[in-house]
Amino acid sequence: MRFLRLVGWVGVALLLAGTVVCYPQLPATIPQHIDAGGKPGNFVARSPLAWGWPVLLTLLLMILNEGLRAWLPKKPELFNFPGKEQLLRLPAEYRGEVVLRMQHFLDLMSVQLVVTFALVQWMQWRGAHGATSEALTVTLIVGPSLFMVVVGLFLSGMQEAVDRAQRRYESRRHPQHP
């Protein structure tokens, strides 16, 4: 899904732009910690690194995901997924649908990373200006849990994709004669 990849990278660009635009509006100290109740703590002097760490970490993780995405077709055995052993017994030309599905999963993970770190930076912004972020804290706790439900549904379809690849392989290897 090129759309999800695009959403992830546009999200990184927006997060970076927001980080740069908002930096001059920060007070002299900013929080480096937001507790479970949404209260800021551990204030440090404003600096590009203290403010920009969420976007830097997001960018590094996005680059890592892109590397994994590119590596996946060449080395699917290094990844763990339902039906892995069955897929690896198939010739490489039958693995495409499953590899593509796994790449879509990585794209989905990238979008989730961008959203998570955007929320973290928003909480940092609010804390720097004296606000608490109870609702955002709940979102950061509940959001990944809900995302795991999506992951479970996604992975449940992985075995079906492997089975389809197996059937295609078998039908071409042993064609039915009328």
N, C-alpha and C. Protein backbone atom coordinates (compact mmCIF):
# COMPACT_ATOMS: atom_id res chain seq x y z
N MET A 1 0.84 -1.18 0.00
CA MET A 1 0.00 0.00 0.00
C MET A 1 0.88 1.24 0.00
N ARG A 2 1.06 1.77 -1.16
CA ARG A 2 1.88 2.98 -1.24
C ARG A 2 1.25 4.11 -0.45
N PHE A 3 -0.08 4.09 -0.32
CA PHE A 3 -0.77 5.14 0.42
C PHE A 3 -0.28 5.20 1.88
N LEU A 4 -0.19 4.05 2.54
CA LEU A 4 0.27 4.02 3.94
C LEU A 4 1.70 4.51 4.07
N ARG A 5 2.56 4.12 3.12
CA ARG A 5 3.94 4.62 3.16
C ARG A 5 3.96 6.13 3.02
N LEU A 6 3.16 6.63 2.10
CA LEU A 6 3.08 8.08 1.89
C LEU A 6 2.57 8.78 3.15
N VAL A 7 1.53 8.22 3.76
CA VAL A 7 0.99 8.80 5.00
C VAL A 7 2.07 8.86 6.07
N GLY A 8 2.84 7.78 6.21
CA GLY A 8 3.92 7.76 7.20
C GLY A 8 4.95 8.85 6.95
N TRP A 9 5.42 8.97 5.72
CA TRP A 9 6.46 9.96 5.41
C TRP A 9 5.92 11.38 5.44
N VAL A 10 4.68 11.59 5.03
CA VAL A 10 4.07 12.92 5.15
C VAL A 10 3.94 13.27 6.64
N GLY A 11 3.57 12.28 7.44
CA GLY A 11 3.49 12.51 8.88
C GLY A 11 4.83 12.91 9.48
N VAL A 12 5.91 12.27 9.05
CA VAL A 12 7.25 12.64 9.53
C VAL A 12 7.57 14.07 9.12
N ALA A 13 7.26 14.42 7.86
CA ALA A 13 7.54 15.78 7.38
C ALA A 13 6.74 16.81 8.19
N LEU A 14 5.47 16.51 8.47
CA LEU A 14 4.66 17.43 9.26
C LEU A 14 5.18 17.53 10.70
N LEU A 15 5.58 16.40 11.26
CA LEU A 15 6.13 16.42 12.61
C LEU A 15 7.42 17.25 12.66
N LEU A 16 8.27 17.08 11.66
CA LEU A 16 9.51 17.86 11.58
C LEU A 16 9.20 19.35 11.43
N ALA A 17 8.28 19.69 10.52
CA ALA A 17 7.91 21.09 10.32
C ALA A 17 7.34 21.69 11.60
N GLY A 18 6.46 20.94 12.26
CA GLY A 18 5.89 21.43 13.51
C GLY A 18 6.94 21.62 14.59
N THR A 19 7.91 20.74 14.62
CA THR A 19 9.00 20.84 15.61
C THR A 19 9.80 22.12 15.39
N VAL A 20 10.11 22.41 14.14
CA VAL A 20 10.90 23.60 13.81
C VAL A 20 10.09 24.87 14.06
N VAL A 21 8.84 24.88 13.63
CA VAL A 21 8.00 26.08 13.78
C VAL A 21 7.71 26.39 15.25
N CYS A 22 7.50 25.36 16.05
CA CYS A 22 7.12 25.57 17.46
C CYS A 22 8.32 25.87 18.37
N TYR A 23 9.51 25.52 17.95
CA TYR A 23 10.69 25.68 18.82
C TYR A 23 10.83 27.10 19.39
N PRO A 24 10.74 28.14 18.57
CA PRO A 24 10.93 29.48 19.13
C PRO A 24 9.85 29.89 20.14
N GLN A 25 8.72 29.22 20.12
CA GLN A 25 7.61 29.57 21.01
C GLN A 25 7.69 28.83 22.36
N LEU A 26 8.71 28.01 22.54
CA LEU A 26 8.85 27.26 23.79
C LEU A 26 9.41 28.14 24.89
N PRO A 27 9.04 27.87 26.14
CA PRO A 27 9.65 28.58 27.26
C PRO A 27 11.10 28.11 27.46
N ALA A 28 11.79 28.70 28.41
CA ALA A 28 13.21 28.41 28.64
C ALA A 28 13.44 26.97 29.10
N THR A 29 12.46 26.38 29.77
CA THR A 29 12.58 24.97 30.18
C THR A 29 11.40 24.19 29.64
N ILE A 30 11.68 22.92 29.33
CA ILE A 30 10.63 22.04 28.80
C ILE A 30 10.70 20.70 29.54
N PRO A 31 9.57 20.01 29.63
CA PRO A 31 9.57 18.72 30.34
C PRO A 31 10.17 17.61 29.46
N GLN A 32 10.87 16.73 30.10
CA GLN A 32 11.38 15.54 29.42
C GLN A 32 10.64 14.30 29.86
N HIS A 33 9.65 14.48 30.72
CA HIS A 33 8.88 13.35 31.24
C HIS A 33 7.45 13.80 31.47
N ILE A 34 6.52 12.96 31.11
CA ILE A 34 5.11 13.17 31.42
C ILE A 34 4.67 11.90 32.16
N ASP A 35 4.17 12.06 33.40
CA ASP A 35 3.80 10.87 34.17
C ASP A 35 2.47 10.30 33.69
N ALA A 36 2.06 9.20 34.29
CA ALA A 36 0.85 8.50 33.87
C ALA A 36 -0.40 9.35 34.06
N GLY A 37 -0.33 10.34 34.91
CA GLY A 37 -1.46 11.24 35.11
C GLY A 37 -1.44 12.43 34.16
N GLY A 38 -0.45 12.47 33.28
CA GLY A 38 -0.36 13.56 32.32
C GLY A 38 0.35 14.80 32.83
N LYS A 39 0.99 14.69 33.99
CA LYS A 39 1.68 15.85 34.58
C LYS A 39 3.14 15.87 34.12
N PRO A 40 3.62 17.04 33.68
CA PRO A 40 5.00 17.15 33.23
C PRO A 40 5.98 17.13 34.40
N GLY A 41 7.18 16.65 34.14
CA GLY A 41 8.22 16.62 35.15
C GLY A 41 9.59 16.60 34.50
N ASN A 42 10.63 16.62 35.34
CA ASN A 42 12.02 16.58 34.88
C ASN A 42 12.26 17.64 33.81
N PHE A 43 12.09 18.90 34.19
CA PHE A 43 12.28 20.00 33.25
C PHE A 43 13.77 20.19 32.94
N VAL A 44 14.05 20.44 31.68
CA VAL A 44 15.42 20.69 31.22
C VAL A 44 15.42 21.97 30.40
N ALA A 45 16.61 22.51 30.20
CA ALA A 45 16.75 23.72 29.39
C ALA A 45 16.31 23.41 27.95
N ARG A 46 15.60 24.35 27.36
CA ARG A 46 15.18 24.21 25.97
C ARG A 46 16.42 24.11 25.09
N SER A 47 16.41 23.10 24.24
CA SER A 47 17.47 22.93 23.25
C SER A 47 16.87 22.18 22.06
N PRO A 48 17.50 22.28 20.90
CA PRO A 48 16.96 21.54 19.75
C PRO A 48 16.85 20.04 20.02
N LEU A 49 17.80 19.44 20.72
CA LEU A 49 17.74 18.01 21.00
C LEU A 49 16.66 17.68 22.03
N ALA A 50 16.57 18.49 23.08
CA ALA A 50 15.55 18.24 24.11
C ALA A 50 14.15 18.35 23.53
N TRP A 51 13.94 19.25 22.58
CA TRP A 51 12.64 19.41 21.95
C TRP A 51 12.45 18.46 20.78
N GLY A 52 13.51 18.19 20.04
CA GLY A 52 13.38 17.44 18.80
C GLY A 52 13.56 15.95 18.90
N TRP A 53 13.82 15.41 20.09
CA TRP A 53 14.07 13.96 20.18
C TRP A 53 12.91 13.12 19.65
N PRO A 54 11.63 13.50 19.84
CA PRO A 54 10.58 12.63 19.27
C PRO A 54 10.65 12.53 17.75
N VAL A 55 10.91 13.64 17.07
CA VAL A 55 10.97 13.59 15.61
C VAL A 55 12.23 12.86 15.15
N LEU A 56 13.34 13.02 15.87
CA LEU A 56 14.56 12.29 15.50
C LEU A 56 14.37 10.78 15.65
N LEU A 57 13.75 10.38 16.75
CA LEU A 57 13.51 8.96 16.97
C LEU A 57 12.54 8.41 15.93
N THR A 58 11.51 9.19 15.62
CA THR A 58 10.56 8.78 14.58
C THR A 58 11.27 8.59 13.25
N LEU A 59 12.11 9.54 12.88
CA LEU A 59 12.84 9.46 11.62
C LEU A 59 13.75 8.24 11.58
N LEU A 60 14.47 7.99 12.66
CA LEU A 60 15.34 6.81 12.71
C LEU A 60 14.55 5.51 12.58
N LEU A 61 13.43 5.41 13.27
CA LEU A 61 12.60 4.21 13.20
C LEU A 61 11.96 4.04 11.82
N MET A 62 11.60 5.15 11.19
CA MET A 62 11.05 5.08 9.83
C MET A 62 12.10 4.58 8.85
N ILE A 63 13.32 5.06 8.99
CA ILE A 63 14.42 4.61 8.12
C ILE A 63 14.68 3.13 8.36
N LEU A 64 14.66 2.70 9.62
CA LEU A 64 14.83 1.28 9.94
C LEU A 64 13.72 0.46 9.29
N ASN A 65 12.48 0.92 9.40
CA ASN A 65 11.36 0.20 8.79
C ASN A 65 11.53 0.12 7.27
N GLU A 66 12.00 1.19 6.65
CA GLU A 66 12.23 1.17 5.20
C GLU A 66 13.30 0.13 4.84
N GLY A 67 14.34 0.06 5.67
CA GLY A 67 15.37 -0.95 5.44
C GLY A 67 14.83 -2.36 5.57
N LEU A 68 14.03 -2.59 6.60
CA LEU A 68 13.41 -3.91 6.78
C LEU A 68 12.49 -4.24 5.62
N ARG A 69 11.76 -3.24 5.17
CA ARG A 69 10.83 -3.42 4.05
C ARG A 69 11.59 -3.85 2.78
N ALA A 70 12.73 -3.22 2.54
CA ALA A 70 13.53 -3.55 1.36
C ALA A 70 14.19 -4.92 1.50
N TRP A 71 14.54 -5.28 2.72
CA TRP A 71 15.25 -6.53 2.98
C TRP A 71 14.31 -7.74 2.95
N LEU A 72 13.06 -7.50 3.25
CA LEU A 72 12.08 -8.57 3.39
C LEU A 72 11.99 -9.51 2.19
N PRO A 73 11.90 -9.03 0.95
CA PRO A 73 11.80 -9.97 -0.18
C PRO A 73 13.05 -10.85 -0.33
N LYS A 74 14.20 -10.34 0.08
CA LYS A 74 15.45 -11.09 -0.08
C LYS A 74 15.69 -12.09 1.05
N LYS A 75 15.21 -11.78 2.24
CA LYS A 75 15.49 -12.61 3.42
C LYS A 75 14.25 -12.82 4.29
N PRO A 76 13.17 -13.40 3.75
CA PRO A 76 11.96 -13.56 4.57
C PRO A 76 12.18 -14.50 5.76
N GLU A 77 13.20 -15.34 5.68
CA GLU A 77 13.47 -16.27 6.79
C GLU A 77 13.90 -15.56 8.07
N LEU A 78 14.32 -14.30 7.96
CA LEU A 78 14.76 -13.56 9.14
C LEU A 78 13.58 -12.95 9.90
N PHE A 79 12.39 -13.03 9.35
CA PHE A 79 11.20 -12.46 9.96
C PHE A 79 10.32 -13.57 10.53
N ASN A 80 9.57 -13.22 11.56
CA ASN A 80 8.69 -14.20 12.18
C ASN A 80 7.24 -13.87 11.81
N PHE A 81 6.52 -14.84 11.28
CA PHE A 81 5.14 -14.62 10.88
C PHE A 81 4.45 -15.97 10.78
N PRO A 82 3.11 -15.98 10.89
CA PRO A 82 2.38 -17.25 10.77
C PRO A 82 2.60 -17.88 9.39
N GLY A 83 2.90 -19.16 9.37
CA GLY A 83 3.11 -19.88 8.12
C GLY A 83 4.50 -19.73 7.54
N LYS A 84 5.45 -19.26 8.34
CA LYS A 84 6.80 -19.00 7.86
C LYS A 84 7.44 -20.24 7.24
N GLU A 85 7.43 -21.36 7.95
CA GLU A 85 8.09 -22.57 7.45
C GLU A 85 7.46 -23.03 6.14
N GLN A 86 6.15 -22.97 6.08
CA GLN A 86 5.42 -23.37 4.87
C GLN A 86 5.82 -22.46 3.69
N LEU A 87 5.89 -21.17 3.94
CA LEU A 87 6.25 -20.24 2.87
C LEU A 87 7.68 -20.46 2.40
N LEU A 88 8.58 -20.71 3.32
CA LEU A 88 9.99 -20.87 2.94
C LEU A 88 10.24 -22.13 2.11
N ARG A 89 9.33 -23.09 2.16
CA ARG A 89 9.45 -24.29 1.32
C ARG A 89 9.04 -24.01 -0.13
N LEU A 90 8.34 -22.90 -0.34
CA LEU A 90 7.89 -22.55 -1.69
C LEU A 90 9.00 -21.81 -2.44
N PRO A 91 9.03 -21.95 -3.76
CA PRO A 91 9.97 -21.16 -4.55
C PRO A 91 9.69 -19.66 -4.38
N ALA A 92 10.71 -18.84 -4.52
CA ALA A 92 10.59 -17.40 -4.28
C ALA A 92 9.49 -16.73 -5.09
N GLU A 93 9.25 -17.21 -6.30
CA GLU A 93 8.24 -16.57 -7.14
C GLU A 93 6.82 -16.73 -6.61
N TYR A 94 6.60 -17.59 -5.63
CA TYR A 94 5.26 -17.78 -5.05
C TYR A 94 5.09 -17.03 -3.73
N ARG A 95 6.10 -16.33 -3.30
CA ARG A 95 6.07 -15.67 -1.99
C ARG A 95 5.58 -14.22 -2.05
N GLY A 96 5.37 -13.69 -3.24
CA GLY A 96 5.11 -12.27 -3.42
C GLY A 96 3.95 -11.71 -2.61
N GLU A 97 2.81 -12.38 -2.63
CA GLU A 97 1.64 -11.86 -1.91
C GLU A 97 1.92 -11.77 -0.41
N VAL A 98 2.60 -12.77 0.13
CA VAL A 98 2.88 -12.78 1.57
C VAL A 98 3.89 -11.69 1.92
N VAL A 99 4.92 -11.56 1.10
CA VAL A 99 5.93 -10.52 1.34
C VAL A 99 5.27 -9.14 1.26
N LEU A 100 4.41 -8.94 0.28
CA LEU A 100 3.72 -7.67 0.14
C LEU A 100 2.85 -7.39 1.36
N ARG A 101 2.19 -8.42 1.86
CA ARG A 101 1.35 -8.27 3.06
C ARG A 101 2.21 -7.88 4.26
N MET A 102 3.37 -8.47 4.38
CA MET A 102 4.28 -8.13 5.48
C MET A 102 4.81 -6.70 5.32
N GLN A 103 5.06 -6.28 4.10
CA GLN A 103 5.49 -4.90 3.86
C GLN A 103 4.38 -3.93 4.23
N HIS A 104 3.13 -4.27 3.94
CA HIS A 104 2.01 -3.43 4.35
C HIS A 104 1.95 -3.32 5.87
N PHE A 105 2.24 -4.42 6.54
CA PHE A 105 2.28 -4.40 8.00
C PHE A 105 3.33 -3.41 8.49
N LEU A 106 4.52 -3.43 7.87
CA LEU A 106 5.57 -2.47 8.26
C LEU A 106 5.12 -1.04 7.99
N ASP A 107 4.40 -0.82 6.90
CA ASP A 107 3.88 0.51 6.60
C ASP A 107 2.90 0.96 7.68
N LEU A 108 2.05 0.04 8.10
CA LEU A 108 1.09 0.33 9.16
C LEU A 108 1.81 0.66 10.46
N MET A 109 2.85 -0.09 10.74
CA MET A 109 3.66 0.18 11.94
C MET A 109 4.30 1.57 11.87
N SER A 110 4.74 1.97 10.69
CA SER A 110 5.34 3.29 10.52
C SER A 110 4.34 4.39 10.83
N VAL A 111 3.12 4.24 10.36
CA VAL A 111 2.09 5.24 10.63
C VAL A 111 1.82 5.31 12.14
N GLN A 112 1.76 4.14 12.77
CA GLN A 112 1.53 4.10 14.21
C GLN A 112 2.67 4.79 14.96
N LEU A 113 3.90 4.61 14.51
CA LEU A 113 5.05 5.27 15.13
C LEU A 113 4.92 6.79 15.03
N VAL A 114 4.58 7.28 13.87
CA VAL A 114 4.44 8.72 13.67
C VAL A 114 3.36 9.28 14.59
N VAL A 115 2.23 8.62 14.66
CA VAL A 115 1.13 9.09 15.51
C VAL A 115 1.56 9.09 16.98
N THR A 116 2.21 8.03 17.41
CA THR A 116 2.65 7.93 18.80
C THR A 116 3.61 9.05 19.17
N PHE A 117 4.63 9.28 18.34
CA PHE A 117 5.61 10.30 18.68
C PHE A 117 5.07 11.71 18.48
N ALA A 118 4.09 11.90 17.61
CA ALA A 118 3.43 13.19 17.50
C ALA A 118 2.67 13.48 18.80
N LEU A 119 2.00 12.45 19.35
CA LEU A 119 1.31 12.63 20.62
C LEU A 119 2.29 12.93 21.76
N VAL A 120 3.41 12.25 21.75
CA VAL A 120 4.44 12.50 22.78
C VAL A 120 4.90 13.95 22.71
N GLN A 121 5.16 14.42 21.49
CA GLN A 121 5.64 15.81 21.38
C GLN A 121 4.54 16.81 21.75
N TRP A 122 3.32 16.50 21.40
CA TRP A 122 2.22 17.37 21.79
C TRP A 122 2.11 17.45 23.32
N MET A 123 2.26 16.31 23.97
CA MET A 123 2.24 16.30 25.44
C MET A 123 3.40 17.12 26.00
N GLN A 124 4.56 17.02 25.36
CA GLN A 124 5.72 17.79 25.79
C GLN A 124 5.43 19.30 25.63
N TRP A 125 4.81 19.67 24.50
CA TRP A 125 4.44 21.06 24.26
C TRP A 125 3.48 21.57 25.34
N ARG A 126 2.46 20.79 25.59
CA ARG A 126 1.47 21.19 26.59
C ARG A 126 2.12 21.33 27.97
N GLY A 127 2.97 20.37 28.31
CA GLY A 127 3.66 20.44 29.60
C GLY A 127 4.57 21.65 29.72
N ALA A 128 5.23 22.00 28.63
CA ALA A 128 6.12 23.17 28.63
C ALA A 128 5.34 24.45 28.88
N HIS A 129 4.06 24.44 28.52
CA HIS A 129 3.22 25.62 28.71
C HIS A 129 2.30 25.50 29.92
N GLY A 130 2.61 24.56 30.82
CA GLY A 130 1.90 24.47 32.09
C GLY A 130 0.62 23.65 32.08
N ALA A 131 0.34 22.96 31.00
CA ALA A 131 -0.89 22.16 30.93
C ALA A 131 -0.59 20.70 31.25
N THR A 132 -1.61 19.98 31.67
CA THR A 132 -1.47 18.54 31.85
C THR A 132 -2.12 17.85 30.65
N SER A 133 -1.86 16.56 30.51
CA SER A 133 -2.33 15.83 29.32
C SER A 133 -2.92 14.49 29.69
N GLU A 134 -3.90 14.49 30.59
CA GLU A 134 -4.50 13.23 31.02
C GLU A 134 -5.08 12.45 29.84
N ALA A 135 -5.86 13.12 29.01
CA ALA A 135 -6.51 12.43 27.89
C ALA A 135 -5.48 11.90 26.90
N LEU A 136 -4.42 12.65 26.68
CA LEU A 136 -3.37 12.17 25.77
C LEU A 136 -2.63 10.98 26.35
N THR A 137 -2.44 10.99 27.66
CA THR A 137 -1.79 9.85 28.31
C THR A 137 -2.63 8.60 28.13
N VAL A 138 -3.93 8.74 28.33
CA VAL A 138 -4.84 7.60 28.14
C VAL A 138 -4.76 7.14 26.69
N THR A 139 -4.73 8.08 25.75
CA THR A 139 -4.63 7.73 24.33
C THR A 139 -3.35 6.94 24.05
N LEU A 140 -2.24 7.35 24.66
CA LEU A 140 -0.98 6.65 24.44
C LEU A 140 -0.98 5.26 25.07
N ILE A 141 -1.79 5.06 26.09
CA ILE A 141 -1.88 3.75 26.72
C ILE A 141 -2.87 2.86 25.96
N VAL A 142 -4.04 3.39 25.63
CA VAL A 142 -5.09 2.61 24.99
C VAL A 142 -4.82 2.41 23.50
N GLY A 143 -4.28 3.44 22.84
CA GLY A 143 -4.04 3.37 21.40
C GLY A 143 -3.23 2.17 20.96
N PRO A 144 -2.05 1.95 21.54
CA PRO A 144 -1.28 0.77 21.14
C PRO A 144 -2.00 -0.55 21.42
N SER A 145 -2.81 -0.59 22.47
CA SER A 145 -3.57 -1.81 22.75
C SER A 145 -4.58 -2.07 21.63
N LEU A 146 -5.27 -1.03 21.20
CA LEU A 146 -6.20 -1.18 20.08
C LEU A 146 -5.47 -1.54 18.80
N PHE A 147 -4.29 -0.97 18.64
CA PHE A 147 -3.49 -1.28 17.46
C PHE A 147 -3.11 -2.75 17.45
N MET A 148 -2.89 -3.33 18.61
CA MET A 148 -2.56 -4.76 18.68
C MET A 148 -3.72 -5.63 18.20
N VAL A 149 -4.94 -5.17 18.37
CA VAL A 149 -6.10 -5.88 17.83
C VAL A 149 -6.01 -5.89 16.30
N VAL A 150 -5.68 -4.74 15.73
CA VAL A 150 -5.51 -4.65 14.28
C VAL A 150 -4.38 -5.58 13.83
N VAL A 151 -3.29 -5.60 14.59
CA VAL A 151 -2.16 -6.48 14.27
C VAL A 151 -2.62 -7.93 14.29
N GLY A 152 -3.39 -8.31 15.29
CA GLY A 152 -3.89 -9.68 15.37
C GLY A 152 -4.75 -10.05 14.17
N LEU A 153 -5.63 -9.15 13.77
CA LEU A 153 -6.45 -9.40 12.59
C LEU A 153 -5.60 -9.50 11.33
N PHE A 154 -4.61 -8.65 11.25
CA PHE A 154 -3.72 -8.65 10.10
C PHE A 154 -2.94 -9.97 10.03
N LEU A 155 -2.40 -10.39 11.16
CA LEU A 155 -1.61 -11.62 11.18
C LEU A 155 -2.46 -12.86 10.96
N SER A 156 -3.74 -12.80 11.35
CA SER A 156 -4.60 -13.95 11.11
C SER A 156 -4.78 -14.18 9.61
N GLY A 157 -4.74 -13.12 8.83
CA GLY A 157 -4.83 -13.24 7.39
C GLY A 157 -3.53 -13.69 6.73
N MET A 158 -2.45 -13.65 7.48
CA MET A 158 -1.15 -14.03 6.92
C MET A 158 -1.13 -15.52 6.55
N GLN A 159 -1.65 -16.36 7.42
CA GLN A 159 -1.68 -17.80 7.13
C GLN A 159 -2.53 -18.07 5.89
N GLU A 160 -3.63 -17.34 5.74
CA GLU A 160 -4.46 -17.50 4.55
C GLU A 160 -3.68 -17.15 3.28
N ALA A 161 -2.88 -16.10 3.34
CA ALA A 161 -2.06 -15.69 2.19
C ALA A 161 -1.02 -16.76 1.88
N VAL A 162 -0.44 -17.36 2.91
CA VAL A 162 0.53 -18.44 2.71
C VAL A 162 -0.17 -19.64 2.07
N ASP A 163 -1.36 -19.96 2.56
CA ASP A 163 -2.11 -21.08 1.99
C ASP A 163 -2.45 -20.84 0.52
N ARG A 164 -2.82 -19.62 0.17
CA ARG A 164 -3.10 -19.30 -1.24
C ARG A 164 -1.86 -19.49 -2.10
N ALA A 165 -0.71 -19.06 -1.59
CA ALA A 165 0.54 -19.24 -2.32
C ALA A 165 0.83 -20.73 -2.50
N GLN A 166 0.57 -21.51 -1.47
CA GLN A 166 0.79 -22.96 -1.54
C GLN A 166 -0.12 -23.59 -2.59
N ARG A 167 -1.39 -23.19 -2.61
CA ARG A 167 -2.33 -23.72 -3.60
C ARG A 167 -1.92 -23.35 -5.03
N ARG A 168 -1.46 -22.11 -5.23
CA ARG A 168 -1.00 -21.71 -6.57
C ARG A 168 0.19 -22.55 -7.01
N TYR A 169 1.10 -22.77 -6.07
CA TYR A 169 2.28 -23.59 -6.37
C TYR A 169 1.87 -25.02 -6.72
N GLU A 170 1.01 -25.59 -5.91
CA GLU A 170 0.56 -26.97 -6.14
C GLU A 170 -0.21 -27.10 -7.45
N SER A 171 -1.05 -26.11 -7.77
CA SER A 171 -1.84 -26.20 -9.00
C SER A 171 -0.96 -26.08 -10.24
N ARG A 172 0.12 -25.38 -10.16
CA ARG A 172 1.02 -25.28 -11.31
C ARG A 172 1.97 -26.46 -11.39
N ARG A 173 2.28 -27.02 -10.25
CA ARG A 173 3.18 -28.18 -10.22
C ARG A 173 2.46 -29.45 -10.63
N HIS A 174 1.20 -29.56 -10.23
CA HIS A 174 0.38 -30.74 -10.55
C HIS A 174 -0.92 -30.28 -11.18
N PRO A 175 -0.90 -29.87 -12.45
CA PRO A 175 -2.15 -29.39 -13.06
C PRO A 175 -3.20 -30.51 -13.14
N GLN A 176 -4.44 -30.11 -12.96
CA GLN A 176 -5.56 -31.06 -13.06
C GLN A 176 -5.83 -31.36 -14.52
N HIS A 177 -5.97 -32.64 -14.86
CA HIS A 177 -6.31 -33.03 -16.23
C HIS A 177 -7.78 -33.38 -16.27
N PRO A 178 -8.54 -32.82 -17.26
CA PRO A 178 -9.97 -33.13 -17.33
C PRO A 178 -10.26 -34.55 -17.74
